[in-house]
Structure formats: structure tokens, C-alpha cells
Protein backbone atom coordinates (compact mmCIF):
# COMPACT_ATOMS: atom_id res chain seq x y z
CA MET A 1 -16.92 20.96 -8.15
CA LYS A 2 -14.61 20.11 -5.61
CA LEU A 3 -13.03 16.58 -5.57
CA GLU A 4 -13.46 15.03 -1.97
CA ARG A 5 -14.14 11.50 -1.62
CA ILE A 6 -11.87 8.85 -3.50
CA LEU A 7 -12.29 4.68 -3.39
CA TYR A 8 -9.21 3.05 -4.14
CA ALA A 9 -8.99 -0.65 -5.21
CA GLU A 10 -5.67 -2.12 -4.66
CA ASP A 11 -4.91 -5.82 -3.45
CA GLU A 12 -0.92 -5.30 -2.01
CA PRO A 13 -1.70 -3.93 2.07
CA ASP A 14 2.02 -2.28 1.96
CA ILE A 15 0.62 0.22 -1.45
CA GLN A 16 -2.88 0.29 0.58
CA SER A 17 -0.48 2.04 3.67
CA VAL A 18 0.76 4.22 1.76
CA ALA A 19 -1.70 5.68 -0.54
CA LYS A 20 -3.97 6.22 2.48
CA LEU A 21 -0.85 8.53 4.16
CA ALA A 22 -0.57 9.97 0.78
CA LEU A 23 -4.30 11.16 -0.12
CA GLU A 24 -5.89 11.40 3.34
CA VAL A 25 -2.85 13.07 5.42
CA LEU A 26 -0.99 14.79 2.16
CA GLY A 27 -4.01 15.18 -0.13
CA GLY A 28 -6.85 16.19 2.33
CA TYR A 29 -8.87 13.07 0.63
CA GLU A 30 -12.01 11.27 2.09
CA LEU A 31 -10.57 7.68 1.31
CA LEU A 32 -12.16 4.27 1.16
CA LEU A 33 -9.46 1.55 0.42
CA CYS A 34 -11.26 -1.68 -1.17
CA SER A 35 -9.13 -4.96 -1.96
CA ASN A 36 -10.73 -5.94 -4.70
CA GLY A 37 -13.02 -4.97 -7.77
CA THR A 38 -15.91 -7.18 -6.08
CA ASP A 39 -15.35 -4.83 -3.04
CA VAL A 40 -15.73 -1.53 -5.28
CA LEU A 41 -19.02 -2.96 -6.75
CA GLU A 42 -20.44 -3.82 -3.29
CA GLN A 43 -19.06 -0.39 -1.36
CA VAL A 44 -19.27 2.15 -4.36
CA CYS A 45 -22.64 3.20 -4.26
CA GLY A 46 -22.50 3.57 -0.11
CA PHE A 47 -19.67 5.62 -0.52
CA ASP A 48 -20.48 7.85 -3.13
CA PRO A 49 -16.93 8.75 -4.40
CA GLY A 50 -16.17 11.50 -6.45
CA LEU A 51 -13.20 9.29 -8.24
CA ILE A 52 -11.98 5.87 -8.37
CA LEU A 53 -8.52 4.61 -8.34
CA LEU A 54 -8.07 1.01 -9.54
CA ASP A 55 -5.03 -1.38 -9.64
CA VAL A 56 -4.93 -2.92 -12.88
CA MET A 57 -4.15 -6.85 -11.38
CA MET A 58 -5.87 -7.61 -8.70
CA PRO A 59 -7.33 -11.24 -7.36
CA ASP A 60 -10.98 -12.15 -8.23
CA LEU A 61 -12.36 -9.19 -10.21
CA ASP A 62 -9.49 -7.02 -11.84
CA GLY A 63 -9.37 -3.55 -12.64
CA PRO A 64 -10.49 -3.46 -16.40
CA ALA A 65 -13.46 -5.98 -15.49
CA THR A 66 -14.39 -4.03 -12.85
CA LEU A 67 -14.36 -0.59 -14.75
CA ARG A 68 -16.40 -2.40 -17.38
CA ARG A 69 -19.46 -3.25 -14.60
CA LEU A 70 -19.34 0.16 -13.19
CA ARG A 71 -20.01 1.77 -16.68
CA ALA A 72 -22.70 -0.95 -16.99
CA ASP A 73 -24.31 0.34 -13.95
CA PRO A 74 -26.37 3.70 -14.57
CA ASN A 75 -25.73 4.37 -10.77
CA THR A 76 -21.70 4.34 -11.17
CA ALA A 77 -21.31 5.15 -14.82
CA LYS A 78 -20.26 8.28 -15.00
CA ILE A 79 -18.01 7.83 -12.01
CA PRO A 80 -14.63 9.09 -13.02
CA VAL A 81 -11.52 6.71 -12.94
CA ILE A 82 -7.89 6.73 -12.73
CA PHE A 83 -6.12 3.08 -13.00
CA LEU A 84 -2.82 3.08 -11.07
CA THR A 85 -0.70 -0.15 -12.69
CA ALA A 86 2.80 -1.14 -13.46
CA LYS A 87 1.37 -1.63 -17.04
CA ALA A 88 1.68 1.76 -17.95
CA GLN A 89 3.33 1.30 -21.76
CA SER A 90 1.70 3.83 -24.25
CA SER A 91 -0.42 0.99 -25.77
CA GLU A 92 -1.96 -0.15 -22.50
CA VAL A 93 -2.45 3.47 -21.20
CA LYS A 94 -4.66 3.50 -24.39
CA ASN A 95 -6.66 0.27 -23.92
CA TYR A 96 -7.59 1.54 -20.66
CA GLN A 97 -8.53 5.21 -22.08
CA ALA A 98 -10.48 3.20 -24.56
CA LEU A 99 -12.44 1.40 -21.68
CA GLY A 100 -13.16 4.54 -20.28
CA ALA A 101 -10.57 5.57 -18.22
CA LEU A 102 -9.29 9.23 -17.80
CA ASP A 103 -5.92 8.13 -17.32
CA VAL A 104 -3.09 6.00 -15.85
CA ILE A 105 -0.71 6.85 -12.58
CA ALA A 106 2.15 4.49 -13.33
CA LYS A 107 3.24 2.52 -10.32
CA PRO A 108 5.53 2.68 -7.97
CA PHE A 109 4.13 6.44 -7.91
CA ASP A 110 5.75 8.84 -5.16
CA PRO A 111 3.69 9.11 -2.11
CA MET A 112 4.56 13.03 -2.11
CA LEU A 113 3.27 13.49 -5.76
CA LEU A 114 0.43 10.94 -5.41
CA ALA A 115 -2.69 13.36 -4.20
CA THR A 116 -1.26 15.98 -6.67
CA GLN A 117 -0.93 13.94 -9.55
CA VAL A 118 -5.02 12.83 -9.20
CA GLN A 119 -6.23 16.21 -8.43
CA LYS A 120 -4.34 17.23 -11.77
CA ILE A 121 -5.74 14.71 -14.06
CA TRP A 122 -9.40 15.20 -12.09
CA GLY A 123 -8.93 18.84 -12.82
CA ARG A 124 -8.67 18.52 -16.50
CA ALA A 125 -11.49 16.53 -17.01
CA TYR A 126 -13.93 18.62 -14.28
CA GLY A 127 -11.82 21.45 -13.06
């Protein structure tokens, strides 16, 4: 199974731009950007991503609350999720994994390595 489509929820436009370049141009993925958790829940089924990247701190509906809602819906419960966050202490990472996240990528991330990091985490679970 090959990872092709990624949905990324991030509320900072500058980080969205860097991630778009890193994942589409360098990684070759089809990317849908959402600016908060509500957007994710509204658009996830229509986009059918192979992976969801979630920022932890977002207005409206944060990353952990978004993940809880995704896991509660049978249509989205099995979509793998990786958090991207500055809050990446080991205890926080364990909490995110307990919620059902595959892993955490720390911010600030290196745009040249982001696609590789995503593929590596996804590959450990589904490769």
C-alpha cells in the first residue's frame, strides 16, 4: 500500500506554505490543507486521505479533540494520524499515542526532511 494523499490541519499560513512545498513538491504527495479541526471533519471523507497530519494547538477544535472525533466515526476511525507540534516532550508524545496517533513530528520541522519523516513513520505502521 502506497501513501499518496495527506490531509494536513495547520492554522499558521506560513507553516502551511512550507509544508505544502515539502510534501507536494519534494514528497510527491497530494495534499489538502485545513486550518482547523472542524475543517478536517468536514472535508476528510470527500478527500479520502491515506494519512492525516494534525497540529496540536489550533483554534476552534484542537488536534487531540479532532483525533477523538475521527476515532469515534467508523468512516474515519482507521485513518492513521501523526501530530506535528512544538509540544513534543516524551510524556506528551505518549499521551498523543494513547489517543491513537502513530507518532509525533516536532516543530519546527525541517522542510527538506518532512516527507521522509512522514514516509518513515507511515512505513513502520503500514509498509
